[in-house]
All heavy atoms as atom14 arrays in JSON, in Angstrom:
{
  "sequence": "GSLYDAQIVGTDPLTDLAVVKIEAENLQAARVGDSSAMRIGDWVVAIG",
  "atom14_mask": [
    [1, 1, 1, 1, 0, 0, 0, 0, 0, 0, 0, 0, 0, 0],
    [1, 1, 1, 1, 1, 1, 0, 0, 0, 0, 0, 0, 0, 0],
    [1, 1, 1, 1, 1, 1, 1, 1, 0, 0, 0, 0, 0, 0],
    [1, 1, 1, 1, 1, 1, 1, 1, 1, 1, 1, 1, 0, 0],
    [1, 1, 1, 1, 1, 1, 1, 1, 0, 0, 0, 0, 0, 0],
    [1, 1, 1, 1, 1, 0, 0, 0, 0, 0, 0, 0, 0, 0],
    [1, 1, 1, 1, 1, 1, 1, 1, 1, 0, 0, 0, 0, 0],
    [1, 1, 1, 1, 1, 1, 1, 1, 0, 0, 0, 0, 0, 0],
    [1, 1, 1, 1, 1, 1, 1, 0, 0, 0, 0, 0, 0, 0],
    [1, 1, 1, 1, 0, 0, 0, 0, 0, 0, 0, 0, 0, 0],
    [1, 1, 1, 1, 1, 1, 1, 0, 0, 0, 0, 0, 0, 0],
    [1, 1, 1, 1, 1, 1, 1, 1, 0, 0, 0, 0, 0, 0],
    [1, 1, 1, 1, 1, 1, 1, 0, 0, 0, 0, 0, 0, 0],
    [1, 1, 1, 1, 1, 1, 1, 1, 0, 0, 0, 0, 0, 0],
    [1, 1, 1, 1, 1, 1, 1, 0, 0, 0, 0, 0, 0, 0],
    [1, 1, 1, 1, 1, 1, 1, 1, 0, 0, 0, 0, 0, 0],
    [1, 1, 1, 1, 1, 1, 1, 1, 0, 0, 0, 0, 0, 0],
    [1, 1, 1, 1, 1, 0, 0, 0, 0, 0, 0, 0, 0, 0],
    [1, 1, 1, 1, 1, 1, 1, 0, 0, 0, 0, 0, 0, 0],
    [1, 1, 1, 1, 1, 1, 1, 0, 0, 0, 0, 0, 0, 0],
    [1, 1, 1, 1, 1, 1, 1, 1, 1, 0, 0, 0, 0, 0],
    [1, 1, 1, 1, 1, 1, 1, 1, 0, 0, 0, 0, 0, 0],
    [1, 1, 1, 1, 1, 1, 1, 1, 1, 0, 0, 0, 0, 0],
    [1, 1, 1, 1, 1, 0, 0, 0, 0, 0, 0, 0, 0, 0],
    [1, 1, 1, 1, 1, 1, 1, 1, 1, 0, 0, 0, 0, 0],
    [1, 1, 1, 1, 1, 1, 1, 1, 0, 0, 0, 0, 0, 0],
    [1, 1, 1, 1, 1, 1, 1, 1, 0, 0, 0, 0, 0, 0],
    [1, 1, 1, 1, 1, 1, 1, 1, 1, 0, 0, 0, 0, 0],
    [1, 1, 1, 1, 1, 0, 0, 0, 0, 0, 0, 0, 0, 0],
    [1, 1, 1, 1, 1, 0, 0, 0, 0, 0, 0, 0, 0, 0],
    [1, 1, 1, 1, 1, 1, 1, 1, 1, 1, 1, 0, 0, 0],
    [1, 1, 1, 1, 1, 1, 1, 0, 0, 0, 0, 0, 0, 0],
    [1, 1, 1, 1, 0, 0, 0, 0, 0, 0, 0, 0, 0, 0],
    [1, 1, 1, 1, 1, 1, 1, 1, 0, 0, 0, 0, 0, 0],
    [1, 1, 1, 1, 1, 1, 0, 0, 0, 0, 0, 0, 0, 0],
    [1, 1, 1, 1, 1, 1, 0, 0, 0, 0, 0, 0, 0, 0],
    [1, 1, 1, 1, 1, 0, 0, 0, 0, 0, 0, 0, 0, 0],
    [1, 1, 1, 1, 1, 1, 1, 1, 0, 0, 0, 0, 0, 0],
    [1, 1, 1, 1, 1, 1, 1, 1, 1, 1, 1, 0, 0, 0],
    [1, 1, 1, 1, 1, 1, 1, 1, 0, 0, 0, 0, 0, 0],
    [1, 1, 1, 1, 0, 0, 0, 0, 0, 0, 0, 0, 0, 0],
    [1, 1, 1, 1, 1, 1, 1, 1, 0, 0, 0, 0, 0, 0],
    [1, 1, 1, 1, 1, 1, 1, 1, 1, 1, 1, 1, 1, 1],
    [1, 1, 1, 1, 1, 1, 1, 0, 0, 0, 0, 0, 0, 0],
    [1, 1, 1, 1, 1, 1, 1, 0, 0, 0, 0, 0, 0, 0],
    [1, 1, 1, 1, 1, 0, 0, 0, 0, 0, 0, 0, 0, 0],
    [1, 1, 1, 1, 1, 1, 1, 1, 0, 0, 0, 0, 0, 0],
    [1, 1, 1, 1, 0, 0, 0, 0, 0, 0, 0, 0, 0, 0]
  ],
  "atom14_positions": [
    [[5.15, 34.69, -2.44], [4.73, 36.09, -2.37], [5.4, 37.02, -3.36], [5.01, 38.19, -3.47], [0.0, 0.0, 0.0], [0.0, 0.0, 0.0], [0.0, 0.0, 0.0], [0.0, 0.0, 0.0], [0.0, 0.0, 0.0], [0.0, 0.0, 0.0], [0.0, 0.0, 0.0], [0.0, 0.0, 0.0], [0.0, 0.0, 0.0], [0.0, 0.0, 0.0]],
    [[6.4, 36.53, -4.08], [7.1, 37.39, -5.04], [6.2, 37.71, -6.23], [5.37, 36.9, -6.64], [8.4, 36.74, -5.51], [8.15, 35.45, -6.03], [0.0, 0.0, 0.0], [0.0, 0.0, 0.0], [0.0, 0.0, 0.0], [0.0, 0.0, 0.0], [0.0, 0.0, 0.0], [0.0, 0.0, 0.0], [0.0, 0.0, 0.0], [0.0, 0.0, 0.0]],
    [[6.38, 38.91, -6.76], [5.49, 39.47, -7.78], [6.24, 39.64, -9.1], [7.37, 40.12, -9.12], [4.97, 40.83, -7.3], [3.72, 41.41, -7.93], [2.5, 40.6, -7.56], [3.54, 42.85, -7.48], [0.0, 0.0, 0.0], [0.0, 0.0, 0.0], [0.0, 0.0, 0.0], [0.0, 0.0, 0.0], [0.0, 0.0, 0.0], [0.0, 0.0, 0.0]],
    [[5.58, 39.23, -10.21], [6.21, 39.35, -11.53], [5.19, 39.86, -12.54], [4.01, 39.53, -12.47], [6.74, 37.99, -12.02], [7.92, 37.45, -11.26], [7.73, 36.7, -10.09], [9.21, 37.67, -11.71], [8.81, 36.18, -9.4], [10.31, 37.16, -11.03], [10.1, 36.41, -9.87], [11.17, 35.91, -9.18], [0.0, 0.0, 0.0], [0.0, 0.0, 0.0]],
    [[5.69, 40.64, -13.5], [4.88, 40.96, -14.68], [5.02, 39.81, -15.67], [6.12, 39.26, -15.85], [5.36, 42.26, -15.32], [5.05, 43.47, -14.46], [4.03, 43.44, -13.75], [5.85, 44.43, -14.51], [0.0, 0.0, 0.0], [0.0, 0.0, 0.0], [0.0, 0.0, 0.0], [0.0, 0.0, 0.0], [0.0, 0.0, 0.0], [0.0, 0.0, 0.0]],
    [[3.92, 39.45, -16.3], [3.93, 38.33, -17.23], [3.57, 38.79, -18.64], [2.82, 39.77, -18.82], [2.96, 37.25, -16.77], [0.0, 0.0, 0.0], [0.0, 0.0, 0.0], [0.0, 0.0, 0.0], [0.0, 0.0, 0.0], [0.0, 0.0, 0.0], [0.0, 0.0, 0.0], [0.0, 0.0, 0.0], [0.0, 0.0, 0.0], [0.0, 0.0, 0.0]],
    [[4.09, 38.08, -19.62], [3.77, 38.33, -21.02], [3.1, 37.09, -21.61], [3.44, 35.96, -21.26], [5.05, 38.64, -21.82], [5.82, 39.85, -21.3], [5.02, 41.14, -21.41], [4.29, 41.35, -22.39], [5.14, 42.0, -20.41], [0.0, 0.0, 0.0], [0.0, 0.0, 0.0], [0.0, 0.0, 0.0], [0.0, 0.0, 0.0], [0.0, 0.0, 0.0]],
    [[2.14, 37.32, -22.51], [1.45, 36.21, -23.15], [2.37, 35.55, -24.17], [2.93, 36.21, -25.04], [0.15, 36.68, -23.84], [-0.86, 37.17, -22.78], [-0.46, 35.55, -24.67], [-2.14, 37.73, -23.38], [0.0, 0.0, 0.0], [0.0, 0.0, 0.0], [0.0, 0.0, 0.0], [0.0, 0.0, 0.0], [0.0, 0.0, 0.0], [0.0, 0.0, 0.0]],
    [[2.52, 34.24, -24.06], [3.3, 33.46, -25.02], [2.4, 33.0, -26.16], [2.77, 33.07, -27.33], [3.95, 32.25, -24.34], [4.64, 31.35, -25.36], [4.93, 32.7, -23.27], [0.0, 0.0, 0.0], [0.0, 0.0, 0.0], [0.0, 0.0, 0.0], [0.0, 0.0, 0.0], [0.0, 0.0, 0.0], [0.0, 0.0, 0.0], [0.0, 0.0, 0.0]],
    [[1.2, 32.52, -25.82], [0.27, 32.05, -26.83], [-1.08, 31.75, -26.22], [-1.17, 31.43, -25.02], [0.0, 0.0, 0.0], [0.0, 0.0, 0.0], [0.0, 0.0, 0.0], [0.0, 0.0, 0.0], [0.0, 0.0, 0.0], [0.0, 0.0, 0.0], [0.0, 0.0, 0.0], [0.0, 0.0, 0.0], [0.0, 0.0, 0.0], [0.0, 0.0, 0.0]],
    [[-2.13, 31.87, -27.02], [-3.49, 31.58, -26.55], [-4.22, 30.75, -27.59], [-3.92, 30.81, -28.78], [-4.29, 32.87, -26.29], [-4.43, 33.6, -27.52], [-3.6, 33.75, -25.25], [0.0, 0.0, 0.0], [0.0, 0.0, 0.0], [0.0, 0.0, 0.0], [0.0, 0.0, 0.0], [0.0, 0.0, 0.0], [0.0, 0.0, 0.0], [0.0, 0.0, 0.0]],
    [[-5.21, 29.98, -27.13], [-6.04, 29.2, -28.03], [-7.49, 29.26, -27.56], [-7.88, 28.5, -26.67], [-5.56, 27.74, -28.07], [-6.36, 26.91, -29.07], [-6.72, 27.47, -30.13], [-6.64, 25.74, -28.79], [0.0, 0.0, 0.0], [0.0, 0.0, 0.0], [0.0, 0.0, 0.0], [0.0, 0.0, 0.0], [0.0, 0.0, 0.0], [0.0, 0.0, 0.0]],
    [[-8.28, 30.15, -28.14], [-9.68, 30.28, -27.71], [-10.49, 29.0, -27.9], [-11.43, 28.75, -27.15], [-10.21, 31.4, -28.63], [-9.01, 32.17, -29.05], [-7.91, 31.16, -29.15], [0.0, 0.0, 0.0], [0.0, 0.0, 0.0], [0.0, 0.0, 0.0], [0.0, 0.0, 0.0], [0.0, 0.0, 0.0], [0.0, 0.0, 0.0], [0.0, 0.0, 0.0]],
    [[-10.13, 28.18, -28.9], [-10.9, 26.98, -29.18], [-10.89, 26.0, -28.02], [-11.89, 25.33, -27.75], [-10.37, 26.3, -30.44], [-11.23, 25.18, -31.03], [-12.54, 25.74, -31.54], [-10.48, 24.45, -32.14], [0.0, 0.0, 0.0], [0.0, 0.0, 0.0], [0.0, 0.0, 0.0], [0.0, 0.0, 0.0], [0.0, 0.0, 0.0], [0.0, 0.0, 0.0]],
    [[-9.77, 25.92, -27.31], [-9.66, 25.01, -26.17], [-9.59, 25.74, -24.83], [-9.46, 25.1, -23.78], [-8.41, 24.12, -26.31], [-7.24, 24.97, -26.41], [-8.5, 23.25, -27.54], [0.0, 0.0, 0.0], [0.0, 0.0, 0.0], [0.0, 0.0, 0.0], [0.0, 0.0, 0.0], [0.0, 0.0, 0.0], [0.0, 0.0, 0.0], [0.0, 0.0, 0.0]],
    [[-9.68, 27.08, -24.86], [-9.61, 27.91, -23.66], [-8.32, 27.7, -22.88], [-8.3, 27.62, -21.65], [-10.81, 27.65, -22.74], [-10.93, 28.71, -21.64], [-10.53, 29.87, -21.89], [-11.4, 28.39, -20.52], [0.0, 0.0, 0.0], [0.0, 0.0, 0.0], [0.0, 0.0, 0.0], [0.0, 0.0, 0.0], [0.0, 0.0, 0.0], [0.0, 0.0, 0.0]],
    [[-7.21, 27.61, -23.6], [-5.9, 27.44, -22.97], [-4.99, 28.6, -23.34], [-5.11, 29.2, -24.41], [-5.26, 26.12, -23.39], [-5.95, 24.85, -22.89], [-5.39, 23.63, -23.6], [-5.78, 24.71, -21.38], [0.0, 0.0, 0.0], [0.0, 0.0, 0.0], [0.0, 0.0, 0.0], [0.0, 0.0, 0.0], [0.0, 0.0, 0.0], [0.0, 0.0, 0.0]],
    [[-4.07, 28.93, -22.43], [-3.09, 29.99, -22.68], [-1.83, 29.69, -21.9], [-1.85, 28.98, -20.88], [-3.66, 31.35, -22.27], [0.0, 0.0, 0.0], [0.0, 0.0, 0.0], [0.0, 0.0, 0.0], [0.0, 0.0, 0.0], [0.0, 0.0, 0.0], [0.0, 0.0, 0.0], [0.0, 0.0, 0.0], [0.0, 0.0, 0.0], [0.0, 0.0, 0.0]],
    [[-0.73, 30.24, -22.4], [0.55, 30.15, -21.7], [1.11, 31.55, -21.58], [1.14, 32.32, -22.55], [1.55, 29.25, -22.46], [2.92, 29.29, -21.79], [1.05, 27.82, -22.53], [0.0, 0.0, 0.0], [0.0, 0.0, 0.0], [0.0, 0.0, 0.0], [0.0, 0.0, 0.0], [0.0, 0.0, 0.0], [0.0, 0.0, 0.0], [0.0, 0.0, 0.0]],
    [[1.54, 31.91, -20.37], [2.22, 33.18, -20.13], [3.61, 32.89, -19.58], [3.89, 31.76, -19.16], [1.43, 34.09, -19.16], [0.04, 34.39, -19.7], [1.33, 33.45, -17.77], [0.0, 0.0, 0.0], [0.0, 0.0, 0.0], [0.0, 0.0, 0.0], [0.0, 0.0, 0.0], [0.0, 0.0, 0.0], [0.0, 0.0, 0.0], [0.0, 0.0, 0.0]],
    [[4.47, 33.9, -19.57], [5.83, 33.69, -19.08], [6.28, 34.84, -18.21], [5.96, 36.0, -18.47], [6.81, 33.54, -20.26], [8.2, 33.06, -19.83], [9.12, 32.88, -21.01], [10.44, 32.24, -20.58], [11.13, 32.99, -19.52], [0.0, 0.0, 0.0], [0.0, 0.0, 0.0], [0.0, 0.0, 0.0], [0.0, 0.0, 0.0], [0.0, 0.0, 0.0]],
    [[7.01, 34.48, -17.16], [7.65, 35.47, -16.3], [9.16, 35.28, -16.38], [9.64, 34.19, -16.72], [7.19, 35.36, -14.83], [7.53, 33.98, -14.26], [5.7, 35.64, -14.73], [7.21, 33.82, -12.78], [0.0, 0.0, 0.0], [0.0, 0.0, 0.0], [0.0, 0.0, 0.0], [0.0, 0.0, 0.0], [0.0, 0.0, 0.0], [0.0, 0.0, 0.0]],
    [[9.91, 36.33, -16.11], [11.38, 36.26, -16.15], [11.87, 35.77, -14.79], [12.15, 36.55, -13.89], [11.98, 37.61, -16.51], [11.65, 38.07, -17.93], [12.08, 37.06, -18.98], [13.18, 36.48, -18.83], [11.32, 36.84, -19.93], [0.0, 0.0, 0.0], [0.0, 0.0, 0.0], [0.0, 0.0, 0.0], [0.0, 0.0, 0.0], [0.0, 0.0, 0.0]],
    [[11.93, 34.47, -14.65], [12.38, 33.85, -13.4], [13.03, 32.52, -13.73], [12.76, 31.91, -14.77], [11.22, 33.67, -12.43], [0.0, 0.0, 0.0], [0.0, 0.0, 0.0], [0.0, 0.0, 0.0], [0.0, 0.0, 0.0], [0.0, 0.0, 0.0], [0.0, 0.0, 0.0], [0.0, 0.0, 0.0], [0.0, 0.0, 0.0], [0.0, 0.0, 0.0]],
    [[13.9, 32.06, -12.85], [14.6, 30.78, -13.04], [14.45, 29.91, -11.81], [14.06, 30.37, -10.73], [16.09, 31.02, -13.33], [16.37, 31.83, -14.6], [16.03, 31.06, -15.87], [15.97, 29.81, -15.8], [15.82, 31.7, -16.91], [0.0, 0.0, 0.0], [0.0, 0.0, 0.0], [0.0, 0.0, 0.0], [0.0, 0.0, 0.0], [0.0, 0.0, 0.0]],
    [[14.74, 28.62, -11.99], [14.75, 27.65, -10.9], [13.42, 27.59, -10.14], [13.38, 27.42, -8.92], [15.89, 27.96, -9.92], [17.25, 27.94, -10.59], [17.53, 27.05, -11.4], [18.08, 28.92, -10.28], [0.0, 0.0, 0.0], [0.0, 0.0, 0.0], [0.0, 0.0, 0.0], [0.0, 0.0, 0.0], [0.0, 0.0, 0.0], [0.0, 0.0, 0.0]],
    [[12.33, 27.73, -10.89], [11.01, 27.6, -10.27], [10.65, 26.12, -10.12], [11.21, 25.25, -10.8], [9.96, 28.3, -11.14], [10.18, 29.79, -11.4], [9.13, 30.32, -12.35], [10.16, 30.55, -10.08], [0.0, 0.0, 0.0], [0.0, 0.0, 0.0], [0.0, 0.0, 0.0], [0.0, 0.0, 0.0], [0.0, 0.0, 0.0], [0.0, 0.0, 0.0]],
    [[9.72, 25.83, -9.25], [9.28, 24.45, -9.06], [8.13, 24.16, -10.02], [7.02, 24.65, -9.84], [8.83, 24.2, -7.62], [8.38, 22.75, -7.4], [8.11, 22.44, -5.94], [8.84, 22.89, -5.04], [7.07, 21.64, -5.68], [0.0, 0.0, 0.0], [0.0, 0.0, 0.0], [0.0, 0.0, 0.0], [0.0, 0.0, 0.0], [0.0, 0.0, 0.0]],
    [[8.42, 23.37, -11.03], [7.4, 23.03, -12.02], [6.55, 21.87, -11.52], [7.04, 20.95, -10.86], [8.06, 22.66, -13.34], [0.0, 0.0, 0.0], [0.0, 0.0, 0.0], [0.0, 0.0, 0.0], [0.0, 0.0, 0.0], [0.0, 0.0, 0.0], [0.0, 0.0, 0.0], [0.0, 0.0, 0.0], [0.0, 0.0, 0.0], [0.0, 0.0, 0.0]],
    [[5.27, 21.93, -11.84], [4.36, 20.85, -11.47], [4.59, 19.65, -12.39], [4.99, 19.8, -13.54], [2.91, 21.31, -11.58], [0.0, 0.0, 0.0], [0.0, 0.0, 0.0], [0.0, 0.0, 0.0], [0.0, 0.0, 0.0], [0.0, 0.0, 0.0], [0.0, 0.0, 0.0], [0.0, 0.0, 0.0], [0.0, 0.0, 0.0], [0.0, 0.0, 0.0]],
    [[4.34, 18.46, -11.86], [4.43, 17.24, -12.67], [3.09, 17.01, -13.35], [2.04, 17.19, -12.75], [4.8, 16.04, -11.8], [6.23, 16.12, -11.26], [6.59, 14.9, -10.43], [5.79, 14.82, -9.21], [5.05, 13.79, -8.87], [4.95, 12.75, -9.67], [4.37, 13.78, -7.74], [0.0, 0.0, 0.0], [0.0, 0.0, 0.0], [0.0, 0.0, 0.0]],
    [[3.11, 16.58, -14.59], [1.9, 16.34, -15.37], [1.6, 14.84, -15.37], [2.49, 14.03, -15.66], [2.04, 16.86, -16.81], [0.78, 16.56, -17.61], [2.33, 18.36, -16.8], [0.0, 0.0, 0.0], [0.0, 0.0, 0.0], [0.0, 0.0, 0.0], [0.0, 0.0, 0.0], [0.0, 0.0, 0.0], [0.0, 0.0, 0.0], [0.0, 0.0, 0.0]],
    [[0.36, 14.49, -15.06], [-0.05, 13.1, -15.01], [-0.91, 12.72, -16.2], [-1.22, 13.54, -17.07], [0.0, 0.0, 0.0], [0.0, 0.0, 0.0], [0.0, 0.0, 0.0], [0.0, 0.0, 0.0], [0.0, 0.0, 0.0], [0.0, 0.0, 0.0], [0.0, 0.0, 0.0], [0.0, 0.0, 0.0], [0.0, 0.0, 0.0], [0.0, 0.0, 0.0]],
    [[-1.32, 11.46, -16.24], [-2.12, 10.92, -17.32], [-3.6, 10.97, -16.93], [-4.08, 10.16, -16.15], [-1.7, 9.48, -17.61], [-2.5, 8.85, -18.75], [-3.25, 9.58, -19.42], [-2.36, 7.62, -18.95], [0.0, 0.0, 0.0], [0.0, 0.0, 0.0], [0.0, 0.0, 0.0], [0.0, 0.0, 0.0], [0.0, 0.0, 0.0], [0.0, 0.0, 0.0]],
    [[-4.32, 11.92, -17.5], [-5.73, 12.07, -17.14], [-6.57, 10.9, -17.61], [-7.63, 10.6, -17.05], [-6.29, 13.38, -17.74], [-6.2, 13.37, -19.14], [0.0, 0.0, 0.0], [0.0, 0.0, 0.0], [0.0, 0.0, 0.0], [0.0, 0.0, 0.0], [0.0, 0.0, 0.0], [0.0, 0.0, 0.0], [0.0, 0.0, 0.0], [0.0, 0.0, 0.0]],
    [[-6.12, 10.18, -18.65], [-6.89, 9.05, -19.16], [-6.92, 7.89, -18.17], [-7.75, 6.98, -18.31], [-6.32, 8.57, -20.5], [-5.01, 8.07, -20.35], [0.0, 0.0, 0.0], [0.0, 0.0, 0.0], [0.0, 0.0, 0.0], [0.0, 0.0, 0.0], [0.0, 0.0, 0.0], [0.0, 0.0, 0.0], [0.0, 0.0, 0.0], [0.0, 0.0, 0.0]],
    [[-6.04, 7.91, -17.18], [-6.02, 6.85, -16.17], [-7.0, 7.11, -15.03], [-7.22, 6.24, -14.19], [-4.61, 6.69, -15.6], [0.0, 0.0, 0.0], [0.0, 0.0, 0.0], [0.0, 0.0, 0.0], [0.0, 0.0, 0.0], [0.0, 0.0, 0.0], [0.0, 0.0, 0.0], [0.0, 0.0, 0.0], [0.0, 0.0, 0.0], [0.0, 0.0, 0.0]],
    [[-7.61, 8.3, -15.0], [-8.52, 8.64, -13.92], [-9.85, 7.91, -14.1], [-10.38, 7.81, -15.19], [-8.76, 10.15, -13.87], [-7.51, 10.97, -13.65], [-6.62, 10.54, -12.14], [-7.78, 11.11, -10.89], [0.0, 0.0, 0.0], [0.0, 0.0, 0.0], [0.0, 0.0, 0.0], [0.0, 0.0, 0.0], [0.0, 0.0, 0.0], [0.0, 0.0, 0.0]],
    [[-10.37, 7.41, -12.96], [-11.64, 6.69, -12.98], [-12.67, 7.46, -12.15], [-12.32, 8.24, -11.26], [-11.47, 5.3, -12.39], [-10.44, 4.43, -13.08], [-10.2, 3.16, -12.29], [-9.74, 3.47, -10.93], [-9.7, 2.57, -9.94], [-10.12, 1.35, -10.16], [-9.25, 2.92, -8.75], [0.0, 0.0, 0.0], [0.0, 0.0, 0.0], [0.0, 0.0, 0.0]],
    [[-13.93, 7.2, -12.45], [-14.99, 7.8, -11.63], [-14.82, 7.31, -10.2], [-14.72, 6.11, -9.94], [-16.38, 7.41, -12.18], [-16.59, 8.01, -13.56], [-17.47, 7.88, -11.23], [-17.87, 7.6, -14.23], [0.0, 0.0, 0.0], [0.0, 0.0, 0.0], [0.0, 0.0, 0.0], [0.0, 0.0, 0.0], [0.0, 0.0, 0.0], [0.0, 0.0, 0.0]],
    [[-14.78, 8.26, -9.27], [-14.57, 7.93, -7.86], [-13.17, 8.18, -7.38], [-12.92, 8.16, -6.17], [0.0, 0.0, 0.0], [0.0, 0.0, 0.0], [0.0, 0.0, 0.0], [0.0, 0.0, 0.0], [0.0, 0.0, 0.0], [0.0, 0.0, 0.0], [0.0, 0.0, 0.0], [0.0, 0.0, 0.0], [0.0, 0.0, 0.0], [0.0, 0.0, 0.0]],
    [[-12.21, 8.42, -8.29], [-10.84, 8.72, -7.87], [-10.79, 10.07, -7.16], [-11.47, 11.03, -7.55], [-9.9, 8.77, -9.08], [-9.44, 7.39, -9.51], [-9.57, 6.44, -8.71], [-8.94, 7.26, -10.65], [0.0, 0.0, 0.0], [0.0, 0.0, 0.0], [0.0, 0.0, 0.0], [0.0, 0.0, 0.0], [0.0, 0.0, 0.0], [0.0, 0.0, 0.0]],
    [[-9.95, 10.15, -6.13], [-9.79, 11.41, -5.39], [-9.03, 12.42, -6.24], [-8.08, 12.08, -6.94], [-9.0, 11.17, -4.1], [-9.75, 10.45, -3.04], [-9.75, 9.1, -2.8], [-10.61, 11.02, -2.05], [-10.56, 8.81, -1.74], [-11.09, 9.96, -1.24], [-11.01, 12.32, -1.77], [-11.96, 10.17, -0.18], [-11.87, 12.54, -0.71], [-12.34, 11.47, 0.08]],
    [[-9.43, 13.68, -6.16], [-8.73, 14.78, -6.82], [-8.73, 15.99, -5.9], [-9.56, 16.12, -5.0], [-9.38, 15.17, -8.17], [-9.11, 14.12, -9.23], [-10.87, 15.41, -8.02], [0.0, 0.0, 0.0], [0.0, 0.0, 0.0], [0.0, 0.0, 0.0], [0.0, 0.0, 0.0], [0.0, 0.0, 0.0], [0.0, 0.0, 0.0], [0.0, 0.0, 0.0]],
    [[-7.77, 16.89, -6.15], [-7.64, 18.12, -5.36], [-7.55, 19.3, -6.32], [-6.76, 19.28, -7.27], [-6.39, 18.1, -4.46], [-6.32, 19.37, -3.61], [-6.39, 16.86, -3.57], [0.0, 0.0, 0.0], [0.0, 0.0, 0.0], [0.0, 0.0, 0.0], [0.0, 0.0, 0.0], [0.0, 0.0, 0.0], [0.0, 0.0, 0.0], [0.0, 0.0, 0.0]],
    [[-8.4, 20.31, -6.12], [-8.36, 21.54, -6.91], [-7.62, 22.6, -6.12], [-7.94, 22.86, -4.96], [-9.78, 22.02, -7.23], [0.0, 0.0, 0.0], [0.0, 0.0, 0.0], [0.0, 0.0, 0.0], [0.0, 0.0, 0.0], [0.0, 0.0, 0.0], [0.0, 0.0, 0.0], [0.0, 0.0, 0.0], [0.0, 0.0, 0.0], [0.0, 0.0, 0.0]],
    [[-6.61, 23.2, -6.74], [-5.78, 24.2, -6.07], [-5.78, 25.47, -6.91], [-5.59, 25.41, -8.13], [-4.35, 23.7, -5.86], [-4.35, 22.33, -5.16], [-3.54, 24.7, -5.03], [-2.97, 21.73, -4.99], [0.0, 0.0, 0.0], [0.0, 0.0, 0.0], [0.0, 0.0, 0.0], [0.0, 0.0, 0.0], [0.0, 0.0, 0.0], [0.0, 0.0, 0.0]],
    [[-6.01, 26.61, -6.27], [-6.01, 27.85, -7.03], [-6.35, 29.05, -6.19], [-6.6, 28.95, -4.97], [0.0, 0.0, 0.0], [0.0, 0.0, 0.0], [0.0, 0.0, 0.0], [0.0, 0.0, 0.0], [0.0, 0.0, 0.0], [0.0, 0.0, 0.0], [0.0, 0.0, 0.0], [0.0, 0.0, 0.0], [0.0, 0.0, 0.0], [0.0, 0.0, 0.0]]
  ]
}
């Protein structure tokens, strides 16, 4: 529930990706997996 103002670090319209940053420490970072290992029929969860 904590609220932060964020600043844009960088954007890339070609791939529709962006990174922003907040002034905070010791946050829980998500682990990144290998998308190339995903097969048709594999379970996935969308969170947002």
